[in-house]
């Protein structure tokens, strides 16, 4: 809807003998229509933005006139025009002038010779002409944006075109207020970056309508671009104040066109990504099924553009929801956090599969980056720490476990890599205290263990069963002592430090184990290794 500033309406009508009698500070009020009233008590008919014309004939007393002005102001009427009617002229009473000035409510006095029809005609001619100009400009901008989309342009081109039209720096922020695209090479526009925290606070509120946020010497024009129920981007134009009325009108038209074009482009991109992800999900499921031969799977991978590096790792991020009730908001937070965390190595991601309680990645490195397990671990550990720290800060009701496979060199080894990463999680969170990130290659001897399903499968061994039952009956610590003794290669001192007991206590317990089992477990290296593995396996199951 076209609108006209009250101050501009005065300039339009002043040559017809219009006098601005009160409320001069209300010149920035906007007129969108004209109404006439010559009957009392019709306040419910008044609309926001109207210019109301009257002779004040129905309002005789001072109280009636005061009530009339107050009701007009409360209805957000733009201004009042008073016609002398049958009188030669009209003098605005001082009490009405004071009242109007206190509200910044504009009051015009018309010349008796000027009919209502001339005032109405001039106002509506201006509004209609302005509407036509706006529609023409809107059509031109829409055509330009559509041309970008038809020529396979995208976000970058749309942002650039908007910046050219309004001659301001333009930014597109994602839902986490990070810059997705900008029209300026001065990406680190210092003033914009300094004001961004304040903008974030404001943007968390509803900005579905175009807003202009004013600062001391700069201003930001902001509009939310709602992609779907869960994704919202923010379109921002940033520049120096002041902004002329014409520039403001141009921004309003251009912003709406650009927002529509951005939404169409982003939705198209999301649709393509979703289709590709379904194909990759199908490929992953086929690899896991084991129904297809290597040659077929390699051809499928090539068709999907899954080009692996010299050395690749499967990463499984496992989410344990403490209340067992994951909601869409939590899933959105997880997705956003993982996407941001892995964004720094986006070019290394060969495959990513999102499931209800786990996220699977296939990440690639060059051989030289993996020598000595230095760079690849450094990169991955930085990402994992960021994910864990963020959830700790938010006190999220989610436990996170991360497993990393050994290196794979062929896409068909994806199944092995996935099993190793899952094994690392299942084994690691039972063995290693306070460590939620487990590399399969760090499991050492545990990699040799095929974990039995039941404790009874291990207790078939008489020695282990005797020690286990002793601990159970006596509430003892012989199994734990045996484990640490073997961990430290028979060092009484080191085992005692780890157990926080006196070395004599360890000596006594080891003597008790020999008495219970009736044999020396440590004279034979193979027997020592066997019982070391069995104790570790039992620890996992109990």
Foldseek 3Di string as FASTA:
>chain_A
DFKDFQLVLCVLCVVQVKDWQALPVLRRAIADAEEEDEAPDPLVPDAARYEYEYQCNNPDDPVRVLVVVVSCVVRNYSAYEHEPVPDQFDDDDPVVRVSCNVSSHIYMYGGNVDDPVVSRVSVVVVRVVVVVVLVVLLVVLLVVLVVCVVVVHADAVLQQVLCVQLVFKKFKAWPVRHTPYINDPCVPPPVCVVCSVVVNVVVVDDQCDWDWADDDFKIKIWHWQDLDPQIIMMMITIDTDDADPVSVSSNRSNVVSSSVSNSVRVNVVVVVVVVLLVLLVVLVVVLQVPPDDQVVSQVSLVVSVLDAEQWKKKKKKFKDQQVPDDDPVNVSVLVVLLCVLCVVQVVQWRHWHDDDGMIMTIGHDYPVCCVVDPNVCVSVVSSVVSSVVVCVVVVHSIDIAMFMEGIDRGPSCVNVNVVLRVVQQLLVVLQDPPDRYGYSVVPVPLVVDDADPALVVLCVDPLVVQVVVCCVVVVDCLLVLLLLCLVVPNDLVRSCVVVVHDSVVSVVSQVVSCVRRVHDQPPDPVSSSVVNNSSSSSSSHD
